Amino acid sequence: MKTIGDLGDLRGKRVLVRSDLNVPLEQTERGATITDDGRIRASAPTIRMLSEMGARVIVCAHLGRPKGEPEPKYSLAPVARRLGELLGTPVVFAEDTVGEGARKAVDSLEDGGVVVLENLRFNAGETAKSEPDRAEFARALASLADVFVSDGFGVVHRAQASVYDVARLLPHATGGLVEAEVNVLRRLTRDPERPYAVVLGGAKVSDKLGVIGNLLGTADRLIIGGGMVFTFLAAQGLEVGTSLLEREQIDTVKGYLERAEQEGVEIVLPVDVVAAEAFSADAEHDVVPVDAIPADRMGLDIGPESADLFARKLADCRTVFWNGPMGAFEMEPYAAGTKALAQALVDVTRHGGLTVVGGGDSAAAVRQLGFADSDFGHISTGGGASLEYLEGKELPGLTVLDGDGDGDARDGGAA
């Protein structure tokens, strides 16, 4: 895949950058407030680099899940303001994506200038299942620019107009963020330094089955926590009370446990959990062994003995990938397990190991719990994309970058 350096002199060129600016917002009386700007900070270096090269930078991204038409609560306006603060330079905000406002904003750019287009998903063509519908929107986007840079790793597993179709229309390259993400994931899949542990948590085991199956041939240890662990415990014949349980996956999990034993992969499960009467911070809760979960209680975090066990299992590792919290970390009584796991990764990092936090809720958790991005080797901006990469799937937004755009889009774009 080409990088920005392969695009030659970009001074005066209009460069369309697909970034991932899908940040969490809190709606208040004064408007939307960004609660975690991690993805904006991760996207800023590529945008800054292009600006310093004299390019006219056109940033496009999505936020939330609007249904193909404008929804004010999903506007990228606050994101554009924050990006300007991080860049230390004014950022123009276009109030539409491919309409008259966008064209005027782009036409007004000087060399080094930056514009953020309104939410891509305010346009039905962005996520359309129909290729002709996507292609029409992609042509409109591409007509704004001379060159395309793909830098939104969190969406490269989707064949969407701004991710896939635009890259087929314009000369293109990967941005610095996508390049860094891919390089890290390659280290996890191509001869990783051992011992290599993968820590998986989060709510549903079904979301991680493909990853587990693929990693049984790669990892030395799989450490399982979060809501998904109760399907593993049930597969061992244990009572899990009212805990989250995917009964239809029990047989699949049993097969994975047997395969892990055959292939010499160690699967580490909790030995105790925090069991509560209800999914609430105020609910009565206690630490109980995993073989003594009351029938009327649900597990909402790993217990302290499990946290110590997981830390011991990570202490000698040279490579660790983590995706998914150990419990309902958003509620203080159930955050200790995730915090202890994060600290264990910090310790691995300090001893020279590679630690990768696989985006999504894991990234949100470490920041919410007071850890700095620099405490880890790498914090991914794309939870789903990183999981699909580790699962061995082809990611459309990456495979399309192996080809050369024909550059004809500027003649066929709709206003």
Protein backbone atom coordinates (compact mmCIF):
# COMPACT_ATOMS: atom_id res chain seq x y z
CA MET A 1 0.00 0.00 0.00
CA LYS A 2 1.20 3.47 -0.87
CA THR A 3 1.83 5.99 1.86
CA ILE A 4 1.57 9.78 1.76
CA GLY A 5 5.23 10.02 0.83
CA ASP A 6 4.48 8.16 -2.42
CA LEU A 7 2.00 10.82 -3.57
CA GLY A 8 4.68 13.36 -4.48
CA ASP A 9 4.32 17.11 -4.10
CA LEU A 10 0.90 17.84 -2.62
CA ARG A 11 1.21 21.63 -2.42
CA GLY A 12 -2.00 23.13 -3.73
CA LYS A 13 -3.59 19.71 -4.20
CA ARG A 14 -7.02 19.00 -2.73
CA VAL A 15 -6.61 15.97 -0.48
CA LEU A 16 -9.69 14.16 0.79
CA VAL A 17 -8.89 12.44 4.09
CA ARG A 18 -11.22 9.78 5.44
CA SER A 19 -10.71 10.03 9.20
CA ASP A 20 -12.42 8.27 12.09
CA LEU A 21 -13.89 11.03 14.24
CA ASN A 22 -16.72 8.95 15.72
CA VAL A 23 -16.32 10.21 19.27
CA PRO A 24 -18.76 9.93 22.18
CA LEU A 25 -20.87 13.02 22.81
CA GLU A 26 -22.87 14.13 25.81
CA GLN A 27 -25.87 16.29 25.01
CA THR A 28 -26.27 19.24 27.39
CA GLU A 29 -28.27 22.45 27.45
CA ARG A 30 -25.26 24.22 25.98
CA GLY A 31 -24.93 21.69 23.16
CA ALA A 32 -22.88 18.58 22.54
CA THR A 33 -19.76 17.95 24.61
CA ILE A 34 -17.06 15.47 23.55
CA THR A 35 -16.40 13.05 26.41
CA ASP A 36 -13.39 11.27 24.85
CA ASP A 37 -11.38 12.98 22.09
CA GLY A 38 -8.98 10.06 21.61
CA ARG A 39 -9.92 9.46 17.99
CA ILE A 40 -9.57 13.14 17.14
CA ARG A 41 -6.12 13.24 18.71
CA ALA A 42 -5.15 10.08 16.82
CA SER A 43 -6.34 11.59 13.52
CA ALA A 44 -4.69 14.99 13.96
CA PRO A 45 -1.08 14.06 13.03
CA THR A 46 -1.95 12.99 9.48
CA ILE A 47 -4.10 16.08 8.95
CA ARG A 48 -1.34 18.29 10.35
CA MET A 49 1.26 16.62 8.10
CA LEU A 50 -0.80 17.23 4.97
CA SER A 51 -1.46 20.82 5.97
CA GLU A 52 2.24 21.42 6.54
CA MET A 53 2.93 19.94 3.10
CA GLY A 54 0.76 22.72 1.62
CA ALA A 55 -2.17 20.49 0.73
CA ARG A 56 -5.73 21.75 0.88
CA VAL A 57 -7.11 19.23 3.34
CA ILE A 58 -10.73 18.06 3.16
CA VAL A 59 -11.62 15.89 6.16
CA CYS A 60 -14.60 13.57 5.97
CA ALA A 61 -15.91 11.28 8.71
CA HIS A 62 -19.06 9.93 10.33
CA LEU A 63 -20.45 10.23 13.83
CA GLY A 64 -23.08 7.95 15.34
CA ARG A 65 -25.72 6.15 13.33
CA PRO A 66 -28.01 8.66 11.64
CA LYS A 67 -30.41 7.08 9.13
CA GLY A 68 -29.18 8.66 5.92
CA GLU A 69 -30.47 12.16 6.64
CA PRO A 70 -29.35 15.09 8.83
CA GLU A 71 -29.80 14.74 12.60
CA PRO A 72 -28.45 17.74 14.54
CA LYS A 73 -27.31 15.66 17.52
CA TYR A 74 -24.85 13.86 15.22
CA SER A 75 -23.32 16.98 13.68
CA LEU A 76 -19.53 17.04 13.38
CA ALA A 77 -19.45 20.75 14.30
CA PRO A 78 -18.06 20.17 17.83
CA VAL A 79 -15.51 17.74 16.39
CA ALA A 80 -14.32 20.37 13.90
CA ARG A 81 -13.88 22.86 16.75
CA ARG A 82 -11.85 20.38 18.79
CA LEU A 83 -9.71 19.48 15.78
CA GLY A 84 -8.92 23.15 15.29
CA GLU A 85 -7.83 23.40 18.92
CA LEU A 86 -5.53 20.39 18.54
CA LEU A 87 -4.05 21.65 15.28
CA GLY A 88 -3.66 25.18 16.61
CA THR A 89 -5.13 26.58 13.41
CA PRO A 90 -8.60 27.54 12.19
CA VAL A 91 -10.64 24.68 10.75
CA VAL A 92 -13.53 25.49 8.43
CA PHE A 93 -16.73 23.51 8.96
CA ALA A 94 -18.95 22.77 5.96
CA GLU A 95 -22.59 22.40 6.92
CA ASP A 96 -23.19 19.72 4.31
CA THR A 97 -21.12 16.91 2.81
CA VAL A 98 -21.24 17.18 -0.98
CA GLY A 99 -23.63 20.08 -1.53
CA GLU A 100 -23.15 23.77 -2.23
CA GLY A 101 -21.81 24.49 1.26
CA ALA A 102 -19.10 21.86 0.93
CA ARG A 103 -18.06 23.08 -2.51
CA LYS A 104 -17.83 26.70 -1.38
CA ALA A 105 -15.80 25.68 1.67
CA VAL A 106 -13.41 23.62 -0.45
CA ASP A 107 -13.08 26.33 -3.11
CA SER A 108 -12.18 28.86 -0.42
CA LEU A 109 -9.30 26.79 0.95
CA GLU A 110 -5.79 28.12 0.61
CA ASP A 111 -2.68 25.96 0.67
CA GLY A 112 -2.42 24.36 4.10
CA GLY A 113 -6.06 25.03 4.92
CA VAL A 114 -8.34 22.45 6.52
CA VAL A 115 -12.09 21.91 6.14
CA VAL A 116 -14.27 19.32 7.89
CA LEU A 117 -17.31 18.17 5.95
CA GLU A 118 -20.58 17.44 7.74
CA ASN A 119 -21.38 13.86 8.83
CA LEU A 120 -21.05 11.44 5.92
CA ARG A 121 -23.95 9.37 7.20
CA PHE A 122 -26.34 12.26 6.70
CA ASN A 123 -26.26 10.90 3.14
CA ALA A 124 -27.92 7.54 2.44
CA GLY A 125 -25.34 6.71 -0.22
CA GLU A 126 -22.53 6.40 2.34
CA THR A 127 -23.76 3.11 3.78
CA ALA A 128 -26.06 1.97 0.95
CA LYS A 129 -26.11 -1.75 0.23
CA SER A 130 -26.63 -0.96 -3.45
CA GLU A 131 -23.30 -0.47 -5.20
CA PRO A 132 -24.74 2.06 -7.72
CA ASP A 133 -26.12 4.18 -4.86
CA ARG A 134 -22.78 4.09 -3.06
CA ALA A 135 -20.92 4.85 -6.28
CA GLU A 136 -23.02 7.95 -6.97
CA PHE A 137 -22.24 9.38 -3.55
CA ALA A 138 -18.58 8.36 -3.89
CA ARG A 139 -18.32 10.24 -7.19
CA ALA A 140 -19.73 13.35 -5.54
CA LEU A 141 -17.19 13.10 -2.73
CA ALA A 142 -14.30 12.37 -5.04
CA SER A 143 -15.18 15.32 -7.26
CA LEU A 144 -14.15 17.62 -4.39
CA ALA A 145 -10.56 16.38 -4.43
CA ASP A 146 -7.49 15.43 -6.42
CA VAL A 147 -6.14 12.74 -4.06
CA PHE A 148 -7.57 10.42 -1.40
CA VAL A 149 -5.90 9.46 1.90
CA SER A 150 -7.44 6.65 3.94
CA ASP A 151 -6.81 7.30 7.63
CA GLY A 152 -9.95 6.02 9.37
CA PHE A 153 -8.87 2.61 10.63
CA GLY A 154 -12.07 2.17 12.60
CA VAL A 155 -14.05 1.83 9.35
CA VAL A 156 -11.70 -0.11 7.04
CA HIS A 157 -13.68 -3.29 7.66
CA ARG A 158 -16.70 -1.69 5.95
CA ALA A 159 -17.23 -1.41 2.18
CA GLN A 160 -18.73 2.06 2.41
CA ALA A 161 -18.61 4.87 -0.12
CA SER A 162 -16.02 7.03 1.64
CA VAL A 163 -13.89 4.03 2.60
CA TYR A 164 -13.98 1.76 -0.43
CA ASP A 165 -15.60 3.36 -3.47
CA VAL A 166 -13.74 6.68 -3.32
CA ALA A 167 -10.41 4.83 -3.25
CA ARG A 168 -11.31 3.29 -6.60
CA LEU A 169 -11.82 6.72 -8.12
CA LEU A 170 -8.82 8.75 -6.97
CA PRO A 171 -5.05 8.32 -6.61
CA HIS A 172 -4.77 7.15 -3.02
CA ALA A 173 -2.53 6.30 -0.09
CA THR A 174 -2.77 5.22 3.53
CA GLY A 175 -2.50 7.84 6.23
CA GLY A 176 -0.15 7.62 9.16
CA LEU A 177 -2.80 6.25 11.53
CA VAL A 178 -3.86 3.37 9.28
CA GLU A 179 -0.23 2.59 8.54
CA ALA A 180 0.59 2.43 12.28
CA GLU A 181 -2.47 0.27 13.05
CA VAL A 182 -1.65 -2.24 10.32
CA ASN A 183 2.00 -2.44 11.35
CA VAL A 184 1.02 -3.24 14.94
CA LEU A 185 -1.53 -5.86 13.92
CA ARG A 186 1.03 -7.51 11.67
CA ARG A 187 3.29 -7.86 14.69
CA LEU A 188 0.44 -9.67 16.45
CA THR A 189 -0.18 -12.10 13.61
CA ARG A 190 3.25 -12.66 12.08
CA ASP A 191 5.70 -14.32 14.46
CA PRO A 192 4.83 -12.35 17.65
CA GLU A 193 7.39 -12.28 20.42
CA ARG A 194 6.45 -14.91 23.01
CA PRO A 195 4.87 -15.61 25.40
CA TYR A 196 1.89 -14.11 23.56
CA ALA A 197 -1.36 -13.61 25.51
CA VAL A 198 -4.73 -12.45 24.22
CA VAL A 199 -7.20 -11.03 26.72
CA LEU A 200 -10.83 -10.98 25.63
CA GLY A 201 -13.77 -9.48 27.49
CA GLY A 202 -16.90 -7.59 26.72
CA ALA A 203 -20.49 -8.71 26.66
CA LYS A 204 -20.97 -11.36 23.99
CA VAL A 205 -18.88 -14.42 23.24
CA SER A 206 -20.50 -14.58 19.77
CA ASP A 207 -18.72 -11.34 18.86
CA LYS A 208 -15.36 -12.97 19.52
CA LEU A 209 -15.82 -16.57 18.28
CA GLY A 210 -14.00 -15.99 14.99
CA VAL A 211 -11.09 -14.34 16.78
CA ILE A 212 -10.86 -17.13 19.35
CA GLY A 213 -10.88 -19.77 16.64
CA ASN A 214 -8.12 -18.05 14.67
CA LEU A 215 -5.96 -17.24 17.70
CA LEU A 216 -5.98 -20.81 18.99
CA GLY A 217 -3.30 -21.40 16.39
CA THR A 218 -1.30 -18.29 17.30
CA ALA A 219 -1.55 -17.28 20.96
CA ASP A 220 0.05 -19.07 23.92
CA ARG A 221 -2.66 -17.97 26.36
CA LEU A 222 -6.24 -16.81 26.08
CA ILE A 223 -7.50 -14.94 29.13
CA ILE A 224 -11.26 -14.58 29.22
CA GLY A 225 -13.30 -12.09 31.28
CA GLY A 226 -16.32 -9.85 30.94
CA GLY A 227 -19.85 -10.99 30.23
CA MET A 228 -18.64 -13.51 27.66
CA VAL A 229 -16.96 -15.59 30.37
CA PHE A 230 -20.27 -16.96 31.64
CA THR A 231 -20.78 -18.94 28.46
CA PHE A 232 -17.37 -20.52 29.12
CA LEU A 233 -18.32 -21.28 32.71
CA ALA A 234 -21.64 -22.78 31.60
CA ALA A 235 -19.74 -24.91 29.08
CA GLN A 236 -17.89 -26.36 32.08
CA GLY A 237 -21.20 -27.20 33.73
CA LEU A 238 -21.23 -24.36 36.27
CA GLU A 239 -24.24 -22.38 37.49
CA VAL A 240 -24.07 -18.76 36.28
CA GLY A 241 -27.27 -17.42 37.83
CA THR A 242 -28.81 -14.54 35.90
CA SER A 243 -25.49 -13.59 34.29
CA LEU A 244 -25.28 -12.82 30.58
CA LEU A 245 -25.33 -16.19 28.82
CA GLU A 246 -25.47 -17.23 25.16
CA ARG A 247 -26.84 -20.75 25.46
CA GLU A 248 -26.69 -21.34 21.72
CA GLN A 249 -22.90 -20.92 21.84
CA ILE A 250 -22.20 -23.39 24.65
CA ASP A 251 -21.41 -26.30 22.32
CA THR A 252 -19.11 -24.10 20.22
CA VAL A 253 -17.26 -22.98 23.34
CA LYS A 254 -16.92 -26.59 24.49
CA GLY A 255 -15.27 -27.34 21.14
CA TYR A 256 -12.84 -24.47 21.59
CA LEU A 257 -11.93 -25.64 25.09
CA GLU A 258 -11.18 -29.11 23.74
CA ARG A 259 -9.19 -27.74 20.82
CA ALA A 260 -7.16 -25.46 23.11
CA GLU A 261 -6.20 -28.43 25.26
CA GLN A 262 -5.17 -30.41 22.18
CA GLU A 263 -3.06 -27.55 20.77
CA GLY A 264 -1.43 -26.63 24.06
CA VAL A 265 -3.05 -23.19 24.31
CA GLU A 266 -3.75 -22.21 27.91
CA ILE A 267 -7.21 -20.78 28.53
CA VAL A 268 -7.40 -18.78 31.74
CA LEU A 269 -10.84 -18.17 33.28
CA PRO A 270 -11.80 -16.26 36.43
CA VAL A 271 -11.87 -18.05 39.76
CA ASP A 272 -14.18 -15.51 41.41
CA VAL A 273 -16.66 -12.83 40.31
CA VAL A 274 -18.55 -9.89 41.71
CA ALA A 275 -22.18 -11.10 41.76
CA ALA A 276 -24.98 -8.55 42.08
CA GLU A 277 -28.74 -8.73 42.52
CA ALA A 278 -29.30 -6.46 39.51
CA PHE A 279 -27.46 -4.53 36.81
CA SER A 280 -27.11 -1.44 38.96
CA ALA A 281 -24.40 0.39 40.85
CA ASP A 282 -26.68 0.40 43.90
CA ALA A 283 -27.49 -3.30 43.83
CA GLU A 284 -26.43 -5.61 46.64
CA HIS A 285 -23.25 -7.37 45.53
CA ASP A 286 -20.60 -9.76 46.85
CA VAL A 287 -17.49 -11.56 45.66
CA VAL A 288 -18.17 -15.26 45.18
CA PRO A 289 -16.24 -18.21 43.70
CA VAL A 290 -17.22 -19.03 40.11
CA ASP A 291 -18.59 -22.38 41.27
CA ALA A 292 -20.88 -20.70 43.82
CA ILE A 293 -22.74 -18.00 41.87
CA PRO A 294 -26.23 -17.70 43.42
CA ALA A 295 -29.06 -18.56 41.07
CA ASP A 296 -30.63 -15.12 41.58
CA ARG A 297 -27.47 -13.04 40.97
CA MET A 298 -25.48 -11.91 37.95
CA GLY A 299 -21.74 -11.59 37.55
CA LEU A 300 -20.72 -8.01 36.73
CA ASP A 301 -16.94 -8.11 37.19
CA ILE A 302 -14.09 -10.49 37.80
CA GLY A 303 -13.15 -10.79 41.47
CA PRO A 304 -9.88 -9.81 43.18
CA GLU A 305 -8.41 -13.34 43.07
CA SER A 306 -9.11 -13.47 39.34
CA ALA A 307 -7.47 -10.06 38.87
CA ASP A 308 -4.35 -11.36 40.64
CA LEU A 309 -4.42 -14.54 38.56
CA PHE A 310 -4.70 -12.63 35.29
CA ALA A 311 -1.85 -10.32 36.29
CA ARG A 312 0.39 -13.32 37.07
CA LYS A 313 -0.45 -14.88 33.72
CA LEU A 314 0.57 -11.66 31.95
CA ALA A 315 3.71 -10.92 33.96
CA ASP A 316 6.12 -12.89 31.74
CA CYS A 317 4.45 -12.03 28.42
CA ARG A 318 6.28 -10.22 25.67
CA THR A 319 3.16 -9.56 23.57
CA VAL A 320 -0.37 -8.86 24.83
CA PHE A 321 -3.52 -7.95 22.89
CA TRP A 322 -6.58 -6.90 24.89
CA ASN A 323 -10.10 -6.31 23.65
CA GLY A 324 -13.10 -5.95 25.95
CA PRO A 325 -13.48 -4.86 29.59
CA MET A 326 -13.51 -7.34 32.44
CA GLY A 327 -16.82 -6.08 33.80
CA ALA A 328 -19.35 -3.26 33.78
CA PHE A 329 -16.59 -0.70 34.36
CA GLU A 330 -18.95 2.25 33.82
CA MET A 331 -20.28 1.56 37.34
CA GLU A 332 -17.72 2.04 40.12
CA PRO A 333 -18.49 -1.20 42.05
CA TYR A 334 -17.65 -3.23 38.93
CA ALA A 335 -14.59 -1.35 37.62
CA ALA A 336 -11.84 -2.94 39.73
CA GLY A 337 -11.25 -5.92 37.45
CA THR A 338 -10.79 -3.82 34.32
CA LYS A 339 -8.52 -1.41 36.20
CA ALA A 340 -6.36 -4.26 37.51
CA LEU A 341 -6.10 -5.76 34.02
CA ALA A 342 -5.06 -2.40 32.58
CA GLN A 343 -2.40 -2.03 35.27
CA ALA A 344 -1.07 -5.48 34.40
CA LEU A 345 -0.65 -4.35 30.79
CA VAL A 346 1.11 -1.19 31.96
CA ASP A 347 3.58 -3.37 33.85
CA VAL A 348 4.22 -5.48 30.73
CA THR A 349 4.85 -2.28 28.77
CA ARG A 350 7.34 -1.03 31.37
CA HIS A 351 9.27 -4.28 31.05
CA GLY A 352 9.63 -3.85 27.30
CA GLY A 353 6.72 -5.95 26.06
CA LEU A 354 4.32 -4.95 23.29
CA THR A 355 0.84 -4.20 24.65
CA VAL A 356 -2.06 -3.42 22.32
CA VAL A 357 -5.43 -2.20 23.56
CA GLY A 358 -7.90 -3.16 20.86
CA GLY A 359 -10.07 -0.08 20.66
CA GLY A 360 -13.78 0.24 21.44
CA ASP A 361 -14.82 -0.15 25.07
CA SER A 362 -11.30 -1.15 26.11
CA ALA A 363 -9.87 2.17 24.94
CA ALA A 364 -12.71 4.07 26.61
CA ALA A 365 -12.18 2.11 29.81
CA VAL A 366 -8.46 2.80 30.21
CA ARG A 367 -8.99 6.52 29.70
CA GLN A 368 -11.99 6.66 32.01
CA LEU A 369 -10.04 4.78 34.68
CA GLY A 370 -7.19 7.30 34.61
CA PHE A 371 -4.58 5.68 32.39
CA ALA A 372 -2.66 7.59 29.73
CA ASP A 373 -2.38 6.41 26.14
CA SER A 374 1.40 6.36 26.61
CA ASP A 375 1.04 3.68 29.31
CA PHE A 376 0.48 1.14 26.54
CA GLY A 377 2.32 0.20 23.42
CA HIS A 378 -0.62 1.02 21.19
CA ILE A 379 -4.28 1.90 21.63
CA SER A 380 -6.24 1.02 18.51
CA THR A 381 -8.90 3.36 17.19
CA GLY A 382 -10.85 0.48 15.66
CA GLY A 383 -12.20 -2.28 17.86
CA GLY A 384 -14.22 -4.05 15.19
CA ALA A 385 -11.56 -3.58 12.51
CA SER A 386 -8.76 -4.90 14.72
CA LEU A 387 -10.82 -7.96 15.69
CA GLU A 388 -11.65 -8.76 12.07
CA TYR A 389 -7.97 -8.39 11.15
CA LEU A 390 -7.00 -10.83 13.90
CA GLU A 391 -9.81 -13.10 12.75
CA GLY A 392 -8.03 -13.36 9.40
CA LYS A 393 -10.70 -11.57 7.38
CA GLU A 394 -9.99 -9.34 4.43
CA LEU A 395 -10.81 -5.70 5.21
CA PRO A 396 -12.30 -3.97 2.14
CA GLY A 397 -10.90 -0.58 3.09
CA LEU A 398 -7.39 -2.02 3.09
CA THR A 399 -7.57 -4.35 0.09
CA VAL A 400 -8.84 -1.53 -2.13
CA LEU A 401 -5.71 0.47 -1.31
CA ASP A 402 -3.59 -2.10 -3.09
CA GLY A 403 -4.98 -0.83 -6.42
CA ASP A 404 -4.46 2.45 -8.24
CA GLY A 405 -7.31 4.96 -8.45
CA ASP A 406 -8.01 6.13 -12.00
CA GLY A 407 -8.55 9.75 -10.98
CA ASP A 408 -11.64 10.19 -13.18
CA ALA A 409 -14.06 10.99 -10.39
CA ARG A 410 -13.77 14.75 -10.60
CA ASP A 411 -15.59 14.68 -13.95
CA GLY A 412 -18.53 12.60 -12.69
CA GLY A 413 -19.46 13.98 -9.29
CA ALA A 414 -22.88 15.32 -8.40
CA ALA A 415 -23.15 18.65 -6.68
